[in-house]
Amino acid sequence: MHRIKCHPRLLAVVLLMGIALTALGCGFTQSMSDYWHDLMDSQDTNLRKRVVVAPFLSRLPGLEARAKALGLAISQRLGKQGGMVLVDFTELRQALTKVNPAIQNSEDRIVAAARTLGLNTVLSGALVNLAVQYDKTGIYGFRENQPFAVMELDLKLIDVATGVILAETTETTRAELTAIDASNIRMGQPFPPKSVDKLQAEMVEPSLRWIGQNIAAQAWVGFILAVDGKRIQVTVGRDTGLPVGAELVAYGRGEAIKAGSGRLLYLPGPVVGRIKLTQLDSRTSWGEVVWLAAEDAERKAAEKAAEEKAKQEEEEAAQKAKEQAVTDQELQAANMEATSKGGGNMSFKAVEPPPKPKVMTVSRPLTFEPGQVLRTR
């Protein structure tokens, strides 16, 4: 058996992230994942998405090296496929060290780190089964039991924008065994290496098809990295496929939903504004603000307030004229009565109603902030 040299600290980080990725999204059914995907529709599926492959784990003792090799094989093939940009896992591990310590939840930390890299998807995998199965053929009493070696691999894709599971599946491969090999395995002997090699090699192709189909259907998103006045730094580079001059729409965080795992997930929030890309780098870009929803809302609110004020002034003027007419009639009637009785003129002063108090509502306007989601519309 080959031994792989591994630093204890690195192994601990990989195991922690593997466990966290496995648990990510617990408490959500597939319908919840579909709900998120419907909200973030696939308008932008033609843009290249950044993907990171976490080291594959094994839930079976003795297969850790096999799991790691399988993950590397899938990762290398993914890097040659179109429609995605493969980001090295070491970058995600380094980004984790820069996440705010106030974020305690391990899954939240992974998503926060992935956002700084502009990742769309995190792929994790785990070998979950290596066993012997039999195919029974023929009629009862004359059956032939053909033994097979069976390998199962759990795959999971995590949507970084939402923090929930985009898709998950279990891929299965089989290889025929001789009756002697099957008997030896039942007696506690290891699986024949050639059979395991075959299972491992045949696992790559169906895994790639499943991964490619799901990532192709995923909506592309970017993220805001920094805000410098009217200049915005974003996780959009030349690798994405957007040109200089392209415009992106920023979305704030919406309503918070508590997952079964205790994590807080956020629905897509309101539109914050629009950014135009002005300078493209390899992995990041700078853009300028071309439209801010808060300013537009403020302008519309000011116009509405002016209209309401004009209408109120018109109504007050009409009411005042009506009250003045009534007062004039009452004064005229009183003067006539005083004159008939020999008295002098009498005059009355109308009582002005107290002014209505002005109610001031103060709300924090939406503005561009790091971490906000970007889409093309």
Protein backbone atom coordinates (compact mmCIF):
# COMPACT_ATOMS: atom_id res chain seq x y z
CA MET A 1 0.00 0.00 0.00
CA HIS A 2 1.37 3.42 -0.95
CA ARG A 3 1.64 6.02 1.79
CA ILE A 4 1.05 9.69 1.05
CA LYS A 5 2.99 12.24 3.06
CA CYS A 6 0.68 14.91 4.46
CA HIS A 7 1.19 17.74 6.91
CA PRO A 8 -1.13 17.38 9.95
CA ARG A 9 -2.29 21.02 9.85
CA LEU A 10 -3.12 20.85 6.14
CA LEU A 11 -4.96 17.56 6.64
CA ALA A 12 -7.00 19.09 9.46
CA VAL A 13 -8.02 22.03 7.26
CA VAL A 14 -9.02 19.74 4.39
CA LEU A 15 -11.03 17.43 6.66
CA LEU A 16 -12.78 20.38 8.32
CA MET A 17 -13.75 21.89 4.98
CA GLY A 18 -14.87 18.50 3.67
CA ILE A 19 -17.15 17.95 6.65
CA ALA A 20 -18.50 21.48 6.40
CA LEU A 21 -19.17 21.14 2.68
CA THR A 22 -20.95 17.85 3.30
CA ALA A 23 -23.17 19.50 5.89
CA LEU A 24 -23.75 22.68 3.91
CA GLY A 25 -27.39 23.22 3.13
CA CYS A 26 -28.69 20.62 5.60
CA GLY A 27 -32.35 21.09 6.36
CA PHE A 28 -33.23 22.15 2.80
CA THR A 29 -35.07 19.92 0.40
CA GLN A 30 -34.49 19.83 -3.34
CA SER A 31 -37.55 22.04 -3.76
CA MET A 32 -35.80 24.76 -1.77
CA SER A 33 -32.79 24.52 -4.07
CA ASP A 34 -35.13 24.79 -7.07
CA TYR A 35 -36.79 27.82 -5.48
CA TRP A 36 -33.47 29.62 -5.24
CA HIS A 37 -32.56 28.69 -8.79
CA ASP A 38 -35.88 30.06 -10.06
CA LEU A 39 -35.22 33.36 -8.32
CA MET A 40 -31.72 33.57 -9.78
CA ASP A 41 -32.80 32.53 -13.29
CA SER A 42 -30.40 31.19 -15.92
CA GLN A 43 -30.27 34.34 -18.04
CA ASP A 44 -26.48 34.44 -17.69
CA THR A 45 -25.62 30.79 -18.29
CA ASN A 46 -23.44 31.68 -21.30
CA LEU A 47 -20.83 33.41 -19.13
CA ARG A 48 -17.87 31.46 -17.75
CA LYS A 49 -18.26 30.47 -14.10
CA ARG A 50 -15.49 30.03 -11.60
CA VAL A 51 -15.44 26.62 -9.94
CA VAL A 52 -13.28 25.18 -7.17
CA VAL A 53 -12.95 21.46 -6.44
CA ALA A 54 -12.45 20.60 -2.78
CA PRO A 55 -10.26 17.55 -2.07
CA PHE A 56 -12.40 14.43 -2.28
CA LEU A 57 -12.82 12.50 0.96
CA SER A 58 -13.42 8.84 1.74
CA ARG A 59 -15.90 7.59 4.30
CA LEU A 60 -14.27 4.18 4.02
CA PRO A 61 -10.95 3.40 5.73
CA GLY A 62 -8.02 2.79 3.43
CA LEU A 63 -9.47 4.59 0.40
CA GLU A 64 -8.32 8.13 1.19
CA ALA A 65 -5.64 8.04 -1.53
CA ARG A 66 -8.16 6.68 -4.05
CA ALA A 67 -10.62 9.47 -3.23
CA LYS A 68 -7.94 12.13 -3.59
CA ALA A 69 -6.76 10.71 -6.94
CA LEU A 70 -10.33 10.58 -8.24
CA GLY A 71 -10.90 14.21 -7.27
CA LEU A 72 -7.70 15.26 -9.04
CA ALA A 73 -8.65 13.35 -12.20
CA ILE A 74 -12.07 15.04 -12.31
CA SER A 75 -10.51 18.43 -11.57
CA GLN A 76 -7.99 18.12 -14.40
CA ARG A 77 -10.69 17.18 -16.89
CA LEU A 78 -12.97 20.01 -15.72
CA GLY A 79 -10.21 22.52 -16.41
CA LYS A 80 -10.30 21.56 -20.09
CA GLN A 81 -14.06 21.97 -20.45
CA GLY A 82 -15.61 25.17 -21.73
CA GLY A 83 -17.99 27.37 -19.82
CA MET A 84 -16.04 27.38 -16.57
CA VAL A 85 -12.79 28.56 -15.02
CA LEU A 86 -11.16 26.23 -12.52
CA VAL A 87 -9.76 27.94 -9.41
CA ASP A 88 -7.11 26.12 -7.37
CA PHE A 89 -8.29 24.94 -3.97
CA THR A 90 -5.27 26.53 -2.28
CA GLU A 91 -6.70 29.96 -3.15
CA LEU A 92 -9.89 29.15 -1.26
CA ARG A 93 -7.88 27.88 1.69
CA GLN A 94 -5.87 31.13 1.75
CA ALA A 95 -9.05 33.23 1.44
CA LEU A 96 -10.42 31.45 4.50
CA THR A 97 -7.63 32.92 6.63
CA LYS A 98 -8.83 36.43 5.74
CA VAL A 99 -12.50 35.91 6.63
CA ASN A 100 -13.81 38.06 9.49
CA PRO A 101 -13.29 36.12 12.75
CA ALA A 102 -16.75 37.26 13.83
CA ILE A 103 -18.16 34.73 11.35
CA GLN A 104 -18.13 31.58 13.44
CA ASN A 105 -20.15 29.10 11.39
CA SER A 106 -17.76 27.01 9.24
CA GLU A 107 -20.17 26.86 6.27
CA ASP A 108 -20.66 30.64 6.39
CA ARG A 109 -16.90 31.10 6.43
CA ILE A 110 -16.46 28.94 3.33
CA VAL A 111 -19.15 30.86 1.42
CA ALA A 112 -17.68 34.21 2.53
CA ALA A 113 -14.22 33.17 1.34
CA ALA A 114 -15.61 31.86 -1.96
CA ARG A 115 -17.33 35.18 -2.61
CA THR A 116 -14.04 37.09 -2.39
CA LEU A 117 -12.72 34.88 -5.19
CA GLY A 118 -15.80 35.38 -7.34
CA LEU A 119 -16.62 31.68 -7.24
CA ASN A 120 -19.94 30.48 -8.57
CA THR A 121 -19.69 26.87 -7.46
CA VAL A 122 -17.86 24.65 -4.99
CA LEU A 123 -17.67 20.95 -5.87
CA SER A 124 -17.15 18.34 -3.15
CA GLY A 125 -17.05 14.57 -3.37
CA ALA A 126 -16.77 11.54 -1.10
CA LEU A 127 -16.34 7.83 -1.70
CA VAL A 128 -19.15 6.22 0.27
CA ASN A 129 -19.20 2.57 -0.78
CA LEU A 130 -17.02 -0.23 -2.13
CA ALA A 131 -18.81 -3.55 -1.92
CA VAL A 132 -19.61 -6.85 -3.62
CA GLN A 133 -22.99 -7.33 -5.26
CA TYR A 134 -24.49 -10.28 -7.17
CA ASP A 135 -26.61 -10.38 -10.27
CA LYS A 136 -28.89 -13.38 -10.11
CA THR A 137 -29.89 -14.80 -13.48
CA GLY A 138 -31.91 -17.85 -14.48
CA ILE A 139 -34.84 -19.63 -12.82
CA TYR A 140 -34.91 -20.66 -9.17
CA GLY A 141 -32.76 -23.73 -8.55
CA PHE A 142 -30.60 -23.07 -11.62
CA ARG A 143 -29.49 -19.49 -10.92
CA GLU A 144 -26.07 -18.16 -11.66
CA ASN A 145 -24.78 -15.50 -9.27
CA GLN A 146 -22.38 -13.17 -11.05
CA PRO A 147 -20.35 -11.11 -8.51
CA PHE A 148 -19.55 -7.48 -9.14
CA ALA A 149 -17.42 -4.91 -7.36
CA VAL A 150 -19.46 -1.71 -6.85
CA MET A 151 -18.08 1.76 -6.10
CA GLU A 152 -20.28 4.75 -5.12
CA LEU A 153 -19.28 8.42 -5.14
CA ASP A 154 -21.36 11.21 -3.58
CA LEU A 155 -21.09 14.51 -5.48
CA LYS A 156 -22.37 17.88 -4.29
CA LEU A 157 -22.42 21.30 -5.98
CA ILE A 158 -22.83 24.36 -3.75
CA ASP A 159 -24.14 27.65 -5.13
CA VAL A 160 -21.93 30.34 -3.61
CA ALA A 161 -24.40 33.19 -4.25
CA THR A 162 -27.12 31.53 -2.17
CA GLY A 163 -25.14 29.18 0.06
CA VAL A 164 -27.44 26.24 -0.65
CA ILE A 165 -26.95 22.99 -2.50
CA LEU A 166 -27.33 23.48 -6.24
CA ALA A 167 -27.41 19.74 -6.96
CA GLU A 168 -26.29 16.44 -5.48
CA THR A 169 -26.10 12.86 -6.74
CA THR A 170 -24.49 9.47 -6.18
CA GLU A 171 -22.56 8.04 -9.13
CA THR A 172 -22.11 4.25 -9.30
CA THR A 173 -19.71 2.07 -11.28
CA ARG A 174 -19.45 -1.74 -11.45
CA ALA A 175 -16.77 -4.23 -12.45
CA GLU A 176 -17.09 -7.99 -12.74
CA LEU A 177 -15.33 -10.19 -10.17
CA THR A 178 -14.41 -13.85 -10.30
CA ALA A 179 -16.07 -16.14 -7.81
CA ILE A 180 -12.70 -16.65 -6.14
CA ASP A 181 -12.10 -12.90 -5.76
CA ALA A 182 -15.60 -12.41 -4.36
CA SER A 183 -15.06 -15.25 -1.89
CA ASN A 184 -11.71 -13.81 -0.80
CA ILE A 185 -13.27 -10.40 -0.23
CA ARG A 186 -15.99 -11.95 1.91
CA MET A 187 -13.24 -13.61 3.93
CA GLY A 188 -11.67 -10.21 4.65
CA GLN A 189 -9.17 -9.92 1.81
CA PRO A 190 -8.80 -6.54 0.00
CA PHE A 191 -10.38 -5.89 -3.38
CA PRO A 192 -8.16 -6.71 -6.34
CA PRO A 193 -6.29 -3.51 -7.26
CA LYS A 194 -7.07 -3.90 -10.98
CA SER A 195 -10.81 -4.05 -10.23
CA VAL A 196 -10.64 -0.91 -8.08
CA ASP A 197 -8.56 0.84 -10.76
CA LYS A 198 -11.27 0.03 -13.29
CA LEU A 199 -14.04 1.29 -11.00
CA GLN A 200 -12.12 4.49 -10.33
CA ALA A 201 -11.36 5.16 -14.00
CA GLU A 202 -14.94 4.57 -15.12
CA MET A 203 -16.23 6.96 -12.44
CA VAL A 204 -14.68 10.03 -14.09
CA GLU A 205 -16.78 10.28 -17.27
CA PRO A 206 -20.30 10.11 -15.76
CA SER A 207 -19.22 12.48 -12.99
CA LEU A 208 -17.99 15.01 -15.54
CA ARG A 209 -21.26 14.83 -17.48
CA TRP A 210 -23.32 15.43 -14.35
CA ILE A 211 -21.11 18.30 -13.17
CA GLY A 212 -21.02 19.95 -16.59
CA GLN A 213 -24.79 19.81 -17.08
CA ASN A 214 -25.56 21.36 -13.71
CA ILE A 215 -22.96 24.11 -13.90
CA ALA A 216 -24.06 24.96 -17.46
CA ALA A 217 -27.62 25.48 -16.19
CA GLN A 218 -26.47 27.61 -13.26
CA ALA A 219 -26.90 31.39 -13.42
CA TRP A 220 -23.66 33.37 -13.44
CA VAL A 221 -23.10 35.92 -10.67
CA GLY A 222 -20.28 38.17 -9.55
CA PHE A 223 -19.65 40.02 -6.31
CA ILE A 224 -18.60 43.49 -5.17
CA LEU A 225 -15.14 43.48 -3.57
CA ALA A 226 -14.61 47.13 -2.61
CA VAL A 227 -16.22 50.56 -2.91
CA ASP A 228 -14.15 53.72 -3.47
CA GLY A 229 -16.55 56.59 -3.94
CA LYS A 230 -18.10 56.15 -7.38
CA ARG A 231 -15.58 53.42 -8.28
CA ILE A 232 -16.51 49.81 -7.58
CA GLN A 233 -14.14 46.82 -7.61
CA VAL A 234 -15.81 43.56 -8.64
CA THR A 235 -14.93 39.88 -9.07
CA VAL A 236 -15.28 40.07 -12.84
CA GLY A 237 -12.18 39.57 -14.97
CA ARG A 238 -11.25 38.82 -18.52
CA ASP A 239 -11.84 35.15 -17.73
CA THR A 240 -15.57 35.81 -17.31
CA GLY A 241 -16.22 36.86 -20.90
CA LEU A 242 -17.65 40.34 -20.26
CA PRO A 243 -16.09 43.27 -22.20
CA VAL A 244 -15.23 46.78 -21.05
CA GLY A 245 -18.42 48.84 -21.08
CA ALA A 246 -20.65 45.97 -19.97
CA GLU A 247 -23.12 46.91 -17.26
CA LEU A 248 -23.94 44.88 -14.15
CA VAL A 249 -26.82 45.21 -11.70
CA ALA A 250 -26.08 44.99 -7.97
CA TYR A 251 -28.58 43.38 -5.58
CA GLY A 252 -28.72 43.91 -1.83
CA ARG A 253 -29.45 41.21 0.69
CA GLY A 254 -33.09 40.36 1.16
CA GLU A 255 -35.04 38.58 3.86
CA ALA A 256 -33.06 36.23 6.09
CA ILE A 257 -34.14 32.60 6.37
CA LYS A 258 -32.87 30.31 9.10
CA ALA A 259 -31.83 26.90 7.79
CA GLY A 260 -32.28 23.65 9.64
CA SER A 261 -28.53 23.70 10.35
CA GLY A 262 -28.91 27.05 12.12
CA ARG A 263 -27.33 29.10 9.32
CA LEU A 264 -28.83 32.34 8.03
CA LEU A 265 -29.47 32.38 4.29
CA TYR A 266 -30.67 35.41 2.37
CA LEU A 267 -33.24 35.78 -0.36
CA PRO A 268 -32.30 38.04 -3.28
CA GLY A 269 -32.78 41.62 -2.16
CA PRO A 270 -33.78 44.83 -3.94
CA VAL A 271 -31.83 46.39 -6.78
CA VAL A 272 -29.11 48.72 -5.48
CA GLY A 273 -27.90 50.17 -8.76
CA ARG A 274 -26.03 49.64 -12.01
CA ILE A 275 -22.25 49.52 -12.62
CA LYS A 276 -20.36 49.88 -15.92
CA LEU A 277 -17.03 48.05 -16.27
CA THR A 278 -14.21 50.48 -17.10
CA GLN A 279 -11.02 48.50 -16.44
CA LEU A 280 -10.63 44.75 -16.86
CA ASP A 281 -7.91 42.73 -15.15
CA SER A 282 -7.39 38.97 -15.25
CA ARG A 283 -9.59 38.14 -12.26
CA THR A 284 -11.01 41.48 -11.04
CA SER A 285 -12.24 44.73 -12.54
CA TRP A 286 -13.10 48.30 -11.70
CA GLY A 287 -16.37 49.89 -12.66
CA GLU A 288 -18.18 53.17 -12.24
CA VAL A 289 -21.66 53.85 -10.93
CA VAL A 290 -24.04 54.76 -13.74
CA TRP A 291 -27.28 54.55 -11.79
CA LEU A 292 -28.21 54.32 -8.12
CA ALA A 293 -31.67 53.10 -7.20
CA ALA A 294 -31.69 55.18 -4.01
CA GLU A 295 -31.10 58.41 -5.97
CA ASP A 296 -33.84 57.47 -8.40
CA ALA A 297 -36.16 56.65 -5.52
CA GLU A 298 -35.22 59.93 -3.82
CA ARG A 299 -35.99 61.89 -6.99
CA LYS A 300 -39.33 60.14 -7.39
CA ALA A 301 -40.11 60.69 -3.71
CA ALA A 302 -39.28 64.40 -4.06
CA GLU A 303 -41.53 64.68 -7.13
CA LYS A 304 -44.32 62.89 -5.31
CA ALA A 305 -43.86 65.08 -2.23
CA ALA A 306 -44.00 68.21 -4.41
CA GLU A 307 -47.20 66.99 -6.07
CA GLU A 308 -48.76 66.16 -2.71
CA LYS A 309 -47.72 69.56 -1.30
CA ALA A 310 -49.24 71.40 -4.28
CA LYS A 311 -52.43 69.38 -3.94
CA GLN A 312 -52.56 70.04 -0.19
CA GLU A 313 -52.00 73.78 -0.71
CA GLU A 314 -54.77 73.80 -3.32
CA GLU A 315 -57.14 71.98 -0.97
CA GLU A 316 -56.22 74.29 1.92
CA ALA A 317 -56.79 77.37 -0.25
CA ALA A 318 -60.20 76.05 -1.32
CA GLN A 319 -61.12 75.23 2.27
CA LYS A 320 -59.94 78.65 3.44
CA ALA A 321 -61.99 80.38 0.74
CA LYS A 322 -65.05 78.37 1.76
CA GLU A 323 -64.55 79.21 5.42
CA GLN A 324 -64.03 82.88 4.55
CA ALA A 325 -67.27 82.92 2.56
CA VAL A 326 -69.16 81.47 5.53
CA THR A 327 -67.51 83.98 7.87
CA ASP A 328 -68.44 86.89 5.56
CA GLN A 329 -72.05 85.74 5.48
CA GLU A 330 -72.20 85.43 9.25
CA LEU A 331 -70.59 88.87 9.67
CA GLN A 332 -73.00 90.45 7.22
CA ALA A 333 -75.97 88.88 9.00
CA ALA A 334 -74.66 90.05 12.40
CA ASN A 335 -74.15 93.63 11.14
CA MET A 336 -77.64 93.75 9.73
CA GLU A 337 -79.10 92.53 13.02
CA ALA A 338 -77.03 95.04 15.03
CA THR A 339 -78.09 97.86 12.71
CA SER A 340 -81.76 96.98 13.07
CA LYS A 341 -81.35 97.12 16.85
CA GLY A 342 -79.49 100.41 16.73
CA GLY A 343 -76.21 98.93 17.66
CA GLY A 344 -72.84 99.45 16.00
CA ASN A 345 -70.96 97.27 13.60
CA MET A 346 -69.74 93.90 14.85
CA SER A 347 -66.82 92.00 13.34
CA PHE A 348 -65.57 88.49 13.97
CA LYS A 349 -62.10 87.06 13.41
CA ALA A 350 -61.93 83.60 12.02
CA VAL A 351 -59.98 81.14 14.14
CA GLU A 352 -57.16 79.51 12.20
CA PRO A 353 -56.89 75.74 12.75
CA PRO A 354 -53.57 74.65 14.31
CA PRO A 355 -50.96 73.56 11.76
CA LYS A 356 -50.57 69.82 11.26
CA PRO A 357 -47.32 68.44 12.69
CA LYS A 358 -44.79 67.29 10.10
CA VAL A 359 -43.86 63.62 10.35
CA MET A 360 -40.24 62.90 9.38
CA THR A 361 -39.35 59.35 8.35
CA VAL A 362 -35.66 58.52 8.25
CA SER A 363 -34.53 55.36 6.43
CA ARG A 364 -31.06 54.18 5.46
CA PRO A 365 -30.74 54.48 1.67
CA LEU A 366 -29.50 51.50 -0.31
CA THR A 367 -25.92 51.88 -1.45
CA PHE A 368 -23.15 49.73 -2.93
CA GLU A 369 -21.40 47.50 -0.38
CA PRO A 370 -18.81 44.69 -0.53
CA GLY A 371 -20.35 41.25 -0.83
CA GLN A 372 -23.38 42.29 -2.85
CA VAL A 373 -24.38 40.04 -5.76
CA LEU A 374 -23.94 41.19 -9.37
CA ARG A 375 -25.88 40.05 -12.41
CA THR A 376 -26.11 41.26 -15.98
CA ARG A 377 -29.68 42.47 -15.58
